[in-house]
PDB file of N, CA and C in Angstrom:
ATOM      1  N   MET A   1      50.611  71.375 140.061  1.00  0.00           N
ATOM      2  CA  MET A   1      52.009  71.556 139.765  1.00  0.00           C
ATOM      3  C   MET A   1      52.382  73.039 139.796  1.00  0.00           C
ATOM      4  N   GLU A   2      51.484  73.875 139.238  1.00  0.00           N
ATOM      5  CA  GLU A   2      51.766  75.305 139.244  1.00  0.00           C
ATOM      6  C   GLU A   2      51.766  75.856 140.668  1.00  0.00           C
ATOM      7  N   LEU A   3      50.934  75.274 141.513  1.00  0.00           N
ATOM      8  CA  LEU A   3      50.862  75.720 142.895  1.00  0.00           C
ATOM      9  C   LEU A   3      52.189  75.467 143.603  1.00  0.00           C
ATOM     10  N   LYS A   4      52.778  74.312 143.372  1.00  0.00           N
ATOM     11  CA  LYS A   4      54.061  73.992 143.997  1.00  0.00           C
ATOM     12  C   LYS A   4      55.150  74.912 143.455  1.00  0.00           C
ATOM     13  N   ASP A   5      55.070  75.204 142.168  1.00  0.00           N
ATOM     14  CA  ASP A   5      56.068  76.079 141.552  1.00  0.00           C
ATOM     15  C   ASP A   5      55.985  77.489 142.140  1.00  0.00           C
ATOM     16  N   GLU A   6      54.768  77.972 142.333  1.00  0.00           N
ATOM     17  CA  GLU A   6      54.595  79.308 142.898  1.00  0.00           C
ATOM     18  C   GLU A   6      55.064  79.349 144.345  1.00  0.00           C
ATOM     19  N   GLU A   7      54.772  78.274 145.109  1.00  0.00           N
ATOM     20  CA  GLU A   7      55.217  78.224 146.501  1.00  0.00           C
ATOM     21  C   GLU A   7      56.737  78.196 146.577  1.00  0.00           C
ATOM     22  N   LEU A   8      57.342  77.414 145.708  1.00  0.00           N
ATOM     23  CA  LEU A   8      58.803  77.313 145.697  1.00  0.00           C
ATOM     24  C   LEU A   8      59.428  78.658 145.319  1.00  0.00           C
ATOM     25  N   THR A   9      58.852  79.328 144.355  1.00  0.00           N
ATOM     26  CA  THR A   9      59.357  80.644 143.948  1.00  0.00           C
ATOM     27  C   THR A   9      59.237  81.632 145.090  1.00  0.00           C
ATOM     28  N   ARG A  10      58.130  81.609 145.800  1.00  0.00           N
ATOM     29  CA  ARG A  10      57.923  82.514 146.925  1.00  0.00           C
ATOM     30  C   ARG A  10      58.924  82.223 148.042  1.00  0.00           C
ATOM     31  N   LEU A  11      59.187  80.950 148.315  1.00  0.00           N
ATOM     32  CA  LEU A  11      60.152  80.590 149.356  1.00  0.00           C
ATOM     33  C   LEU A  11      61.563  81.048 148.978  1.00  0.00           C
ATOM     34  N   LEU A  12      61.928  80.863 147.713  1.00  0.00           N
ATOM     35  CA  LEU A  12      63.271  81.252 147.285  1.00  0.00           C
ATOM     36  C   LEU A  12      63.460  82.764 147.321  1.00  0.00           C
ATOM     37  N   LYS A  13      62.410  83.512 147.014  1.00  0.00           N
ATOM     38  CA  LYS A  13      62.517  84.968 147.068  1.00  0.00           C
ATOM     39  C   LYS A  13      62.678  85.442 148.503  1.00  0.00           C
ATOM     40  N   GLY A  14      62.083  84.754 149.424  1.00  0.00           N
ATOM     41  CA  GLY A  14      62.169  85.140 150.829  1.00  0.00           C
ATOM     42  C   GLY A  14      63.517  84.816 151.442  1.00  0.00           C
ATOM     43  N   MET A  15      64.247  83.874 150.888  1.00  0.00           N
ATOM     44  CA  MET A  15      65.542  83.480 151.450  1.00  0.00           C
ATOM     45  C   MET A  15      66.646  84.399 150.924  1.00  0.00           C
ATOM     46  N   GLU A  16      67.629  84.604 151.744  1.00  0.00           N
ATOM     47  CA  GLU A  16      68.788  85.381 151.313  1.00  0.00           C
ATOM     48  C   GLU A  16      69.854  84.425 150.816  1.00  0.00           C
ATOM     49  N   MET A  17      70.617  84.911 149.832  1.00  0.00           N
ATOM     50  CA  MET A  17      71.703  84.090 149.295  1.00  0.00           C
ATOM     51  C   MET A  17      72.836  84.071 150.312  1.00  0.00           C
ATOM     52  N   GLU A  18      73.382  82.894 150.518  1.00  0.00           N
ATOM     53  CA  GLU A  18      74.495  82.785 151.452  1.00  0.00           C
ATOM     54  C   GLU A  18      75.780  83.133 150.717  1.00  0.00           C
ATOM     55  N   GLU A  19      76.607  83.927 151.350  1.00  0.00           N
ATOM     56  CA  GLU A  19      77.885  84.313 150.772  1.00  0.00           C
ATOM     57  C   GLU A  19      78.976  83.913 151.741  1.00  0.00           C
ATOM     58  N   PRO A  20      80.113  83.477 151.215  1.00  0.00           N
ATOM     59  CA  PRO A  20      81.219  83.152 152.126  1.00  0.00           C
ATOM     60  C   PRO A  20      81.801  84.437 152.709  1.00  0.00           C
ATOM     61  N   SER A  21      82.484  84.287 153.810  1.00  0.00           N
ATOM     62  CA  SER A  21      83.060  85.465 154.462  1.00  0.00           C
ATOM     63  C   SER A  21      84.169  86.042 153.580  1.00  0.00           C
ATOM     64  N   MET A  22      84.512  87.305 153.833  1.00  0.00           N
ATOM     65  CA  MET A  22      85.535  87.976 153.034  1.00  0.00           C
ATOM     66  C   MET A  22      86.892  87.320 153.208  1.00  0.00           C
ATOM     67  N   SER A  23      87.167  86.824 154.413  1.00  0.00           N
ATOM     68  CA  SER A  23      88.470  86.194 154.637  1.00  0.00           C
ATOM     69  C   SER A  23      88.580  84.901 153.827  1.00  0.00           C
ATOM     70  N   PHE A  24      87.480  84.175 153.696  1.00  0.00           N
ATOM     71  CA  PHE A  24      87.501  82.944 152.900  1.00  0.00           C
ATOM     72  C   PHE A  24      87.826  83.270 151.446  1.00  0.00           C
ATOM     73  N   THR A  25      87.170  84.284 150.900  1.00  0.00           N
ATOM     74  CA  THR A  25      87.409  84.666 149.508  1.00  0.00           C
ATOM     75  C   THR A  25      88.850  85.114 149.325  1.00  0.00           C
ATOM     76  N   ARG A  26      89.364  85.907 150.266  1.00  0.00           N
ATOM     77  CA  ARG A  26      90.747  86.380 150.166  1.00  0.00           C
ATOM     78  C   ARG A  26      91.723  85.215 150.240  1.00  0.00           C
ATOM     79  N   ASN A  27      91.473  84.260 151.153  1.00  0.00           N
ATOM     80  CA  ASN A  27      92.357  83.096 151.278  1.00  0.00           C
ATOM     81  C   ASN A  27      92.372  82.274 149.990  1.00  0.00           C
ATOM     82  N   VAL A  28      91.214  82.093 149.404  1.00  0.00           N
ATOM     83  CA  VAL A  28      91.149  81.319 148.154  1.00  0.00           C
ATOM     84  C   VAL A  28      91.918  82.042 147.048  1.00  0.00           C
ATOM     85  N   MET A  29      91.755  83.352 146.942  1.00  0.00           N
ATOM     86  CA  MET A  29      92.438  84.115 145.899  1.00  0.00           C
ATOM     87  C   MET A  29      93.947  84.091 146.101  1.00  0.00           C
ATOM     88  N   GLU A  30      94.402  84.147 147.352  1.00  0.00           N
ATOM     89  CA  GLU A  30      95.840  84.087 147.614  1.00  0.00           C
ATOM     90  C   GLU A  30      96.402  82.727 147.238  1.00  0.00           C
ATOM     91  N   GLN A  31      95.673  81.661 147.512  1.00  0.00           N
ATOM     92  CA  GLN A  31      96.152  80.329 147.139  1.00  0.00           C
ATOM     93  C   GLN A  31      96.199  80.166 145.625  1.00  0.00           C
ATOM     94  N   ILE A  32      95.272  80.775 144.936  1.00  0.00           N
ATOM     95  CA  ILE A  32      95.284  80.699 143.470  1.00  0.00           C
ATOM     96  C   ILE A  32      96.494  81.443 142.924  1.00  0.00           C
ATOM     97  N   LYS A  33      96.854  82.582 143.554  1.00  0.00           N
ATOM     98  CA  LYS A  33      98.026  83.335 143.106  1.00  0.00           C
ATOM     99  C   LYS A  33      99.306  82.533 143.286  1.00  0.00           C
ATOM    100  N   LEU A  34      99.367  81.704 144.333  1.00  0.00           N
ATOM    101  CA  LEU A  34     100.574  80.926 144.603  1.00  0.00           C
ATOM    102  C   LEU A  34     100.759  79.769 143.622  1.00  0.00           C
ATOM    103  N   GLU A  35      99.696  79.321 143.023  1.00  0.00           N
ATOM    104  CA  GLU A  35      99.820  78.197 142.092  1.00  0.00           C
ATOM    105  C   GLU A  35     100.497  78.644 140.809  1.00  0.00           C
ATOM    106  N   LYS A  36     101.165  77.693 140.149  1.00  0.00           N
ATOM    107  CA  LYS A  36     101.849  77.993 138.894  1.00  0.00           C
ATOM    108  C   LYS A  36     100.837  78.287 137.800  1.00  0.00           C
ATOM    109  N   GLN A  37     101.197  79.264 136.984  1.00  0.00           N
ATOM    110  CA  GLN A  37     100.345  79.568 135.840  1.00  0.00           C
ATOM    111  C   GLN A  37     100.520  78.463 134.800  1.00  0.00           C
ATOM    112  N   PRO A  38      99.445  78.009 134.206  1.00  0.00           N
ATOM    113  CA  PRO A  38      99.591  76.970 133.187  1.00  0.00           C
ATOM    114  C   PRO A  38     100.283  77.541 131.947  1.00  0.00           C
ATOM    115  N   VAL A  39     101.183  76.755 131.408  1.00  0.00           N
ATOM    116  CA  VAL A  39     101.941  77.169 130.227  1.00  0.00           C
ATOM    117  C   VAL A  39     101.162  76.742 128.991  1.00  0.00           C
ATOM    118  N   ALA A  40     101.074  77.642 128.039  1.00  0.00           N
ATOM    119  CA  ALA A  40     100.375  77.309 126.794  1.00  0.00           C
ATOM    120  C   ALA A  40     101.190  76.263 126.042  1.00  0.00           C
ATOM    121  N   LEU A  41     100.509  75.238 125.621  1.00  0.00           N
ATOM    122  CA  LEU A  41     101.195  74.166 124.913  1.00  0.00           C
ATOM    123  C   LEU A  41     101.413  74.566 123.462  1.00  0.00           C
ATOM    124  N   LYS A  42     102.646  74.459 123.029  1.00  0.00           N
ATOM    125  CA  LYS A  42     102.974  74.728 121.637  1.00  0.00           C
ATOM    126  C   LYS A  42     103.519  73.435 121.050  1.00  0.00           C
ATOM    127  N   THR A  43     102.794  72.920 120.104  1.00  0.00           N
ATOM    128  CA  THR A  43     103.276  71.700 119.474  1.00  0.00           C
ATOM    129  C   THR A  43     104.306  72.089 118.435  1.00  0.00           C
ATOM    130  N   ARG A  44     105.425  71.478 118.515  1.00  0.00           N
ATOM    131  CA  ARG A  44     106.524  71.779 117.595  1.00  0.00           C
ATOM    132  C   ARG A  44     106.543  70.703 116.527  1.00  0.00           C
ATOM    133  N   VAL A  45     106.489  71.148 115.277  1.00  0.00           N
ATOM    134  CA  VAL A  45     106.521  70.216 114.162  1.00  0.00           C
ATOM    135  C   VAL A  45     107.950  70.160 113.652  1.00  0.00           C
ATOM    136  N   ASP A  46     108.431  68.957 113.477  1.00  0.00           N
ATOM    137  CA  ASP A  46     109.791  68.772 112.996  1.00  0.00           C
ATOM    138  C   ASP A  46     109.907  69.288 111.563  1.00  0.00           C
ATOM    139  N   ASN A  47     111.022  69.954 111.275  1.00  0.00           N
ATOM    140  CA  ASN A  47     111.225  70.511 109.934  1.00  0.00           C
ATOM    141  C   ASN A  47     111.288  69.421 108.873  1.00  0.00           C
ATOM    142  N   ARG A  48     111.745  68.246 109.240  1.00  0.00           N
ATOM    143  CA  ARG A  48     111.819  67.159 108.254  1.00  0.00           C
ATOM    144  C   ARG A  48     110.431  66.786 107.751  1.00  0.00           C
ATOM    145  N   ILE A  49     109.436  66.867 108.621  1.00  0.00           N
ATOM    146  CA  ILE A  49     108.068  66.555 108.196  1.00  0.00           C
ATOM    147  C   ILE A  49     107.585  67.596 107.196  1.00  0.00           C
ATOM    148  N   ILE A  50     107.843  68.856 107.489  1.00  0.00           N
ATOM    149  CA  ILE A  50     107.424  69.926 106.576  1.00  0.00           C
ATOM    150  C   ILE A  50     108.140  69.783 105.242  1.00  0.00           C
ATOM    151  N   TYR A  51     109.452  69.533 105.273  1.00  0.00           N
ATOM    152  CA  TYR A  51     110.198  69.366 104.023  1.00  0.00           C
ATOM    153  C   TYR A  51     109.732  68.126 103.264  1.00  0.00           C
ATOM    154  N   GLY A  52     109.363  67.083 103.986  1.00  0.00           N
ATOM    155  CA  GLY A  52     108.858  65.876 103.327  1.00  0.00           C
ATOM    156  C   GLY A  52     107.552  66.134 102.595  1.00  0.00           C
ATOM    157  N   ILE A  53     106.640  66.846 103.243  1.00  0.00           N
ATOM    158  CA  ILE A  53     105.362  67.179 102.593  1.00  0.00           C
ATOM    159  C   ILE A  53     105.607  68.075 101.386  1.00  0.00           C
ATOM    160  N   ALA A  54     106.516  69.049 101.526  1.00  0.00           N
ATOM    161  CA  ALA A  54     106.840  69.932 100.399  1.00  0.00           C
ATOM    162  C   ALA A  54     107.462  69.139  99.256  1.00  0.00           C
ATOM    163  N   ALA A  55     108.297  68.158  99.581  1.00  0.00           N
ATOM    164  CA  ALA A  55     108.920  67.340  98.535  1.00  0.00           C
ATOM    165  C   ALA A  55     107.874  66.506  97.801  1.00  0.00           C
ATOM    166  N   ILE A  56     106.895  65.991  98.532  1.00  0.00           N
ATOM    167  CA  ILE A  56     105.835  65.206  97.882  1.00  0.00           C
ATOM    168  C   ILE A  56     105.044  66.086  96.921  1.00  0.00           C
ATOM    169  N   PHE A  57     104.668  67.286  97.362  1.00  0.00           N
ATOM    170  CA  PHE A  57     103.942  68.194  96.473  1.00  0.00           C
ATOM    171  C   PHE A  57     104.792  68.600  95.275  1.00  0.00           C
ATOM    172  N   GLY A  58     106.071  68.870  95.517  1.00  0.00           N
ATOM    173  CA  GLY A  58     106.968  69.236  94.413  1.00  0.00           C
ATOM    174  C   GLY A  58     107.111  68.105  93.408  1.00  0.00           C
ATOM    175  N   ALA A  59     107.241  66.870  93.918  1.00  0.00           N
ATOM    176  CA  ALA A  59     107.351  65.721  93.017  1.00  0.00           C
ATOM    177  C   ALA A  59     106.063  65.523  92.231  1.00  0.00           C
ATOM    178  N   PHE A  60     104.931  65.746  92.869  1.00  0.00           N
ATOM    179  CA  PHE A  60     103.655  65.610  92.175  1.00  0.00           C
ATOM    180  C   PHE A  60     103.526  66.637  91.056  1.00  0.00           C
ATOM    181  N   ILE A  61     103.869  67.883  91.342  1.00  0.00           N
ATOM    182  CA  ILE A  61     103.787  68.932  90.323  1.00  0.00           C
ATOM    183  C   ILE A  61     104.761  68.650  89.188  1.00  0.00           C
ATOM    184  N   ALA A  62     105.980  68.234  89.522  1.00  0.00           N
ATOM    185  CA  ALA A  62     106.958  67.909  88.483  1.00  0.00           C
ATOM    186  C   ALA A  62     106.477  66.731  87.646  1.00  0.00           C
ATOM    187  N   GLY A  63     105.868  65.734  88.284  1.00  0.00           N
ATOM    188  CA  GLY A  63     105.352  64.582  87.545  1.00  0.00           C
ATOM    189  C   GLY A  63     104.256  64.970  86.575  1.00  0.00           C
ATOM    190  N   VAL A  64     103.344  65.819  87.013  1.00  0.00           N
ATOM    191  CA  VAL A  64     102.270  66.274  86.122  1.00  0.00           C
ATOM    192  C   VAL A  64     102.855  67.065  84.962  1.00  0.00           C
ATOM    193  N   PHE A  65     103.841  67.908  85.231  1.00  0.00           N
ATOM    194  CA  PHE A  65     104.477  68.705  84.182  1.00  0.00           C
ATOM    195  C   PHE A  65     105.197  67.807  83.177  1.00  0.00           C
ATOM    196  N   ILE A  66     105.945  66.827  83.665  1.00  0.00           N
ATOM    197  CA  ILE A  66     106.662  65.902  82.775  1.00  0.00           C
ATOM    198  C   ILE A  66     105.672  65.068  81.975  1.00  0.00           C
ATOM    199  N   TYR A  67     104.595  64.622  82.599  1.00  0.00           N
ATOM    200  CA  TYR A  67     103.573  63.850  81.888  1.00  0.00           C
ATOM    201  C   TYR A  67     102.944  64.680  80.773  1.00  0.00           C
ATOM    202  N   ALA A  68     102.677  65.953  81.053  1.00  0.00           N
ATOM    203  CA  ALA A  68     102.076  66.824  80.037  1.00  0.00           C
ATOM    204  C   ALA A  68     103.027  67.043  78.872  1.00  0.00           C
ATOM    205  N   ILE A  69     104.310  67.209  79.165  1.00  0.00           N
ATOM    206  CA  ILE A  69     105.281  67.403  78.086  1.00  0.00           C
ATOM    207  C   ILE A  69     105.459  66.120  77.286  1.00  0.00           C
ATOM    208  N   ALA A  70     105.492  64.978  77.966  1.00  0.00           N
ATOM    209  CA  ALA A  70     105.711  63.703  77.275  1.00  0.00           C
ATOM    210  C   ALA A  70     104.544  63.350  76.364  1.00  0.00           C
ATOM    211  N   ASN A  71     103.341  63.732  76.707  1.00  0.00           N
ATOM    212  CA  ASN A  71     102.170  63.367  75.908  1.00  0.00           C
ATOM    213  C   ASN A  71     101.708  64.479  74.973  1.00  0.00           C
ATOM    214  N   SER A  72     102.545  65.455  74.743  1.00  0.00           N
ATOM    215  CA  SER A  72     102.164  66.521  73.823  1.00  0.00           C
ATOM    216  C   SER A  72     102.982  66.408  72.543  1.00  0.00           C
ATOM    217  N   THR A  73     102.443  66.948  71.493  1.00  0.00           N
ATOM    218  CA  THR A  73     103.173  66.965  70.227  1.00  0.00           C
ATOM    219  C   THR A  73     103.698  68.375  70.024  1.00  0.00           C
ATOM    220  N   ALA A  74     104.965  68.468  69.723  1.00  0.00           N
ATOM    221  CA  ALA A  74     105.616  69.766  69.617  1.00  0.00           C
ATOM    222  C   ALA A  74     105.813  70.145  68.153  1.00  0.00           C
ATOM    223  N   THR A  75     104.745  70.427  67.478  1.00  0.00           N
ATOM    224  CA  THR A  75     104.851  70.915  66.106  1.00  0.00           C
ATOM    225  C   THR A  75     104.232  72.298  66.063  1.00  0.00           C
ATOM    226  N   TYR A  76     104.927  73.179  65.408  1.00  0.00           N
ATOM    227  CA  TYR A  76     104.445  74.546  65.320  1.00  0.00           C
ATOM    228  C   TYR A  76     104.797  75.092  63.955  1.00  0.00           C
ATOM    229  N   GLU A  77     103.865  75.751  63.364  1.00  0.00           N
ATOM    230  CA  GLU A  77     104.080  76.350  62.057  1.00  0.00           C
ATOM    231  C   GLU A  77     103.606  77.790  62.121  1.00  0.00           C
ATOM    232  N   LEU A  78     104.425  78.682  61.633  1.00  0.00           N
ATOM    233  CA  LEU A  78     104.031  80.085  61.619  1.00  0.00           C
ATOM    234  C   LEU A  78     102.920  80.293  60.605  1.00  0.00           C
ATOM    235  N   PRO A  79     101.960  81.106  60.948  1.00  0.00           N
ATOM    236  CA  PRO A  79     100.891  81.359  59.977  1.00  0.00           C
ATOM    237  C   PRO A  79     101.414  82.205  58.816  1.00  0.00           C
ATOM    238  N   LYS A  80     100.877  81.935  57.656  1.00  0.00           N
ATOM    239  CA  LYS A  80     101.293  82.674  56.464  1.00  0.00           C
ATOM    240  C   LYS A  80     100.310  83.812  56.253  1.00  0.00           C
ATOM    241  N   LEU A  81     100.810  85.011  56.426  1.00  0.00           N
ATOM    242  CA  LEU A  81      99.973  86.193  56.289  1.00  0.00           C
ATOM    243  C   LEU A  81     100.336  86.929  55.007  1.00  0.00           C
ATOM    244  N   LYS A  82      99.334  87.327  54.284  1.00  0.00           N
ATOM    245  CA  LYS A  82      99.558  88.138  53.091  1.00  0.00           C
ATOM    246  C   LYS A  82      98.866  89.476  53.323  1.00  0.00           C
ATOM    247  N   ILE A  83      99.676  90.470  53.660  1.00  0.00           N
ATOM    248  CA  ILE A  83      99.137  91.796  53.922  1.00  0.00           C
ATOM    249  C   ILE A  83      99.811  92.769  52.963  1.00  0.00           C
ATOM    250  N   ASP A  84      99.024  93.534  52.283  1.00  0.00           N
ATOM    251  CA  ASP A  84      99.551  94.528  51.350  1.00  0.00           C
ATOM    252  C   ASP A  84      99.461  95.898  52.017  1.00  0.00           C
ATOM    253  N   LEU A  85     100.618  96.412  52.438  1.00  0.00           N
ATOM    254  CA  LEU A  85     100.656  97.684  53.146  1.00  0.00           C
ATOM    255  C   LEU A  85     101.198  98.826  52.297  1.00  0.00           C
ATOM    256  N   THR A  86     101.408  98.602  51.042  1.00  0.00           N
ATOM    257  CA  THR A  86     102.046  99.645  50.225  1.00  0.00           C
ATOM    258  C   THR A  86     101.200 100.904  50.167  1.00  0.00           C
ATOM    259  N   GLY A  87      99.910 100.772  50.011  1.00  0.00           N
ATOM    260  CA  GLY A  87      99.052 101.954  49.943  1.00  0.00           C
ATOM    261  C   GLY A  87      98.987 102.681  51.272  1.00  0.00           C
ATOM    262  N   ALA A  88      98.877 101.954  52.375  1.00  0.00           N
ATOM    263  CA  ALA A  88      98.768 102.568  53.698  1.00  0.00           C
ATOM    264  C   ALA A  88     100.069 103.252  54.098  1.00  0.00           C
ATOM    265  N   VAL A  89     101.199 102.625  53.760  1.00  0.00           N
ATOM    266  CA  VAL A  89     102.490 103.213  54.107  1.00  0.00           C
ATOM    267  C   VAL A  89     102.721 104.488  53.309  1.00  0.00           C
ATOM    268  N   ASP A  90     102.380 104.449  52.048  1.00  0.00           N
ATOM    269  CA  ASP A  90     102.577 105.638  51.210  1.00  0.00           C
ATOM    270  C   ASP A  90     101.715 106.802  51.682  1.00  0.00           C
ATOM    271  N   LYS A  91     100.512 106.518  52.169  1.00  0.00           N
ATOM    272  CA  LYS A  91      99.628 107.590  52.620  1.00  0.00           C
ATOM    273  C   LYS A  91     100.032 108.117  54.001  1.00  0.00           C
ATOM    274  N   THR A  92     100.568 107.238  54.868  1.00  0.00           N
ATOM    275  CA  THR A  92     100.865 107.616  56.248  1.00  0.00           C
ATOM    276  C   THR A  92     102.239 108.253  56.385  1.00  0.00           C
ATOM    277  N   LEU A  93     103.242 107.643  55.795  1.00  0.00           N
ATOM    278  CA  LEU A  93     104.611 108.118  55.981  1.00  0.00           C
ATOM    279  C   LEU A  93     104.970 109.168  54.933  1.00  0.00           C
ATOM    280  N   THR A  94     104.352 110.292  55.037  1.00  0.00           N
ATOM    281  CA  THR A  94     104.660 111.401  54.137  1.00  0.00           C
ATOM    282  C   THR A  94     105.897 112.123  54.650  1.00  0.00           C
ATOM    283  N   PRO A  95     106.585 112.861  53.793  1.00  0.00           N
ATOM    284  CA  PRO A  95     107.782 113.586  54.256  1.00  0.00           C
ATOM    285  C   PRO A  95     107.480 114.558  55.401  1.00  0.00           C
ATOM    286  N   GLY A  96     106.342 115.194  55.400  1.00  0.00           N
ATOM    287  CA  GLY A  96     105.984 116.107  56.489  1.00  0.00           C
ATOM    288  C   GLY A  96     105.797 115.370  57.814  1.00  0.00           C
ATOM    289  N   PHE A  97     105.176 114.208  57.766  1.00  0.00           N
ATOM    290  CA  PHE A  97     104.968 113.404  58.976  1.00  0.00           C
ATOM    291  C   PHE A  97     106.305 112.951  59.543  1.00  0.00           C
ATOM    292  N   LEU A  98     107.203 112.461  58.688  1.00  0.00           N
ATOM    293  CA  LEU A  98     108.511 112.007  59.160  1.00  0.00           C
ATOM    294  C   LEU A  98     109.306 113.155  59.770  1.00  0.00           C
ATOM    295  N   THR A  99     109.240 114.342  59.168  1.00  0.00           N
ATOM    296  CA  THR A  99     109.955 115.498  59.707  1.00  0.00           C
ATOM    297  C   THR A  99     109.406 115.870  61.089  1.00  0.00           C
ATOM    298  N   ALA A 100     108.093 115.899  61.237  1.00  0.00           N
ATOM    299  CA  ALA A 100     107.481 116.227  62.533  1.00  0.00           C
ATOM    300  C   ALA A 100     107.825 115.176  63.578  1.00  0.00           C
ATOM    301  N   PHE A 101     107.801 113.906  63.192  1.00  0.00           N
ATOM    302  CA  PHE A 101     108.120 112.820  64.114  1.00  0.00           C
ATOM    303  C   PHE A 101     109.558 112.939  64.607  1.00  0.00           C
ATOM    304  N   LEU A 102     110.504 113.163  63.694  1.00  0.00           N
ATOM    305  CA  LEU A 102     111.906 113.292  64.087  1.00  0.00           C
ATOM    306  C   LEU A 102     112.123 114.537  64.946  1.00  0.00           C
ATOM    307  N   PHE A 103     111.433 115.636  64.646  1.00  0.00           N
ATOM    308  CA  PHE A 103     111.558 116.854  65.443  1.00  0.00           C
ATOM    309  C   PHE A 103     111.097 116.610  66.880  1.00  0.00           C
ATOM    310  N   ILE A 104     109.965 115.947  67.046  1.00  0.00           N
ATOM    311  CA  ILE A 104     109.447 115.649  68.394  1.00  0.00           C
ATOM    312  C   ILE A 104     110.406 114.728  69.138  1.00  0.00           C
ATOM    313  N   ASP A 105     110.985 113.739  68.440  1.00  0.00           N
ATOM    314  CA  ASP A 105     111.954 112.842  69.076  1.00  0.00           C
ATOM    315  C   ASP A 105     113.186 113.597  69.546  1.00  0.00           C
ATOM    316  N   VAL A 106     113.675 114.531  68.739  1.00  0.00           N
ATOM    317  CA  VAL A 106     114.852 115.311  69.129  1.00  0.00           C
ATOM    318  C   VAL A 106     114.538 116.169  70.351  1.00  0.00           C
ATOM    319  N   VAL A 107     113.368 116.777  70.413  1.00  0.00           N
ATOM    320  CA  VAL A 107     112.989 117.600  71.568  1.00  0.00           C
ATOM    321  C   VAL A 107     112.907 116.744  72.832  1.00  0.00           C
ATOM    322  N   ILE A 108     112.303 115.575  72.738  1.00  0.00           N
ATOM    323  CA  ILE A 108     112.205 114.679  73.903  1.00  0.00           C
ATOM    324  C   ILE A 108     113.591 114.250  74.361  1.00  0.00           C
ATOM    325  N   ALA A 109     114.487 113.931  73.420  1.00  0.00           N
ATOM    326  CA  ALA A 109     115.852 113.526  73.772  1.00  0.00           C
ATOM    327  C   ALA A 109     116.589 114.669  74.462  1.00  0.00           C
ATOM    328  N   LEU A 110     116.429 115.895  73.989  1.00  0.00           N
ATOM    329  CA  LEU A 110     117.091 117.036  74.622  1.00  0.00           C
ATOM    330  C   LEU A 110     116.578 117.257  76.044  1.00  0.00           C
ATOM    331  N   ILE A 111     115.284 117.117  76.259  1.00  0.00           N
ATOM    332  CA  ILE A 111     114.725 117.260  77.614  1.00  0.00           C
ATOM    333  C   ILE A 111     115.286 116.180  78.534  1.00  0.00           C
ATOM    334  N   TYR A 112     115.409 114.961  78.029  1.00  0.00           N
ATOM    335  CA  TYR A 112     115.937 113.850  78.825  1.00  0.00           C
ATOM    336  C   TYR A 112     117.402 114.099  79.196  1.00  0.00           C
ATOM    337  N   PHE A 113     118.221 114.497  78.228  1.00  0.00           N
ATOM    338  CA  PHE A 113     119.632 114.756  78.512  1.00  0.00           C
ATOM    339  C   PHE A 113     119.799 115.947  79.450  1.00  0.00           C
ATOM    340  N   ASP A 114     118.939 116.951  79.348  1.00  0.00           N
ATOM    341  CA  ASP A 114     118.985 118.087  80.252  1.00  0.00           C
ATOM    342  C   ASP A 114     118.716 117.646  81.689  1.00  0.00           C
ATOM    343  N   SER A 115     117.734 116.767  81.874  1.00  0.00           N
ATOM    344  CA  SER A 115     117.440 116.290  83.235  1.00  0.00           C
ATOM    345  C   SER A 115     118.604 115.471  83.789  1.00  0.00           C
ATOM    346  N   ILE A 116     119.273 114.693  82.938  1.00  0.00           N
ATOM    347  CA  ILE A 116     120.437 113.918  83.395  1.00  0.00           C
ATOM    348  C   ILE A 116     121.558 114.860  83.819  1.00  0.00           C
ATOM    349  N   LEU A 117     121.836 115.877  83.004  1.00  0.00           N
ATOM    350  CA  LEU A 117     122.902 116.819  83.338  1.00  0.00           C
ATOM    351  C   LEU A 117     122.579 117.604  84.603  1.00  0.00           C
ATOM    352  N   ARG A 118     121.314 117.968  84.813  1.00  0.00           N
ATOM    353  CA  ARG A 118     120.944 118.684  86.033  1.00  0.00           C
ATOM    354  C   ARG A 118     121.159 117.812  87.270  1.00  0.00           C
ATOM    355  N   ARG A 119     120.836 116.521  87.158  1.00  0.00           N
ATOM    356  CA  ARG A 119     121.057 115.614  88.295  1.00  0.00           C
ATOM    357  C   ARG A 119     122.538 115.503  88.610  1.00  0.00           C
ATOM    358  N   LYS A 120     123.371 115.360  87.576  1.00  0.00           N
ATOM    359  CA  LYS A 120     124.813 115.244  87.805  1.00  0.00           C
ATOM    360  C   LYS A 120     125.361 116.527  88.420  1.00  0.00           C
ATOM    361  N   LYS A 121     124.870 117.667  87.960  1.00  0.00           N
ATOM    362  CA  LYS A 121     125.328 118.944  88.493  1.00  0.00           C
ATOM    363  C   LYS A 121     124.900 119.093  89.954  1.00  0.00           C
ATOM    364  N   GLY A 122     123.688 118.662  90.275  1.00  0.00           N
ATOM    365  CA  GLY A 122     123.198 118.734  91.652  1.00  0.00           C
ATOM    366  C   GLY A 122     123.994 117.838  92.584  1.00  0.00           C
ATOM    367  N   LYS A 123     124.400 116.674  92.123  1.00  0.00           N
ATOM    368  CA  LYS A 123     125.188 115.762  92.962  1.00  0.00           C
ATOM    369  C   LYS A 123     126.594 116.297  93.180  1.00  0.00           C
ATOM    370  N   SER A 124     127.169 116.941  92.168  1.00  0.00           N
ATOM    371  CA  SER A 124     128.533 117.449  92.315  1.00  0.00           C
ATOM    372  C   SER A 124     128.578 118.662  93.248  1.00  0.00           C
ATOM    373  N   LEU A 125     127.484 119.428  93.345  1.00  0.00           N
ATOM    374  CA  LEU A 125     127.452 120.579  94.244  1.00  0.00           C
ATOM    375  C   LEU A 125     127.306 120.160  95.697  1.00  0.00           C
ATOM    376  N   GLN A 126     126.736 119.032  95.951  1.00  0.00           N
ATOM    377  CA  GLN A 126     126.532 118.582  97.333  1.00  0.00           C
ATOM    378  C   GLN A 126     127.755 117.963  97.834  1.00  0.00           C
TER     379      GLN A 126
END
């Protein structure tokens, strides 16, 4: 079997590949150019189908939401917290702290109003 394979390989190597003439290739290419180009198929989906599928999903979500509300109990009670802040407030809100806090707030407000007035002045000059 290997002998036949080697002989066949040797025969094929000795043969030249046949090629069609240049005029044949040119004629074939010209005929291909004359044929219509195939149009890409675009499947068009009707909008009613899309809206129908969206309506089914919307109805399903609404149904689950209504089912969850219908099967829930709506009772709520605020927790009762007992926190004694008198000591912490007295230690934190000292007169010096309140004065410093109000001073910083006034400075920030003045900077903000200054920026507003500068913007208005810049717009009126233009």
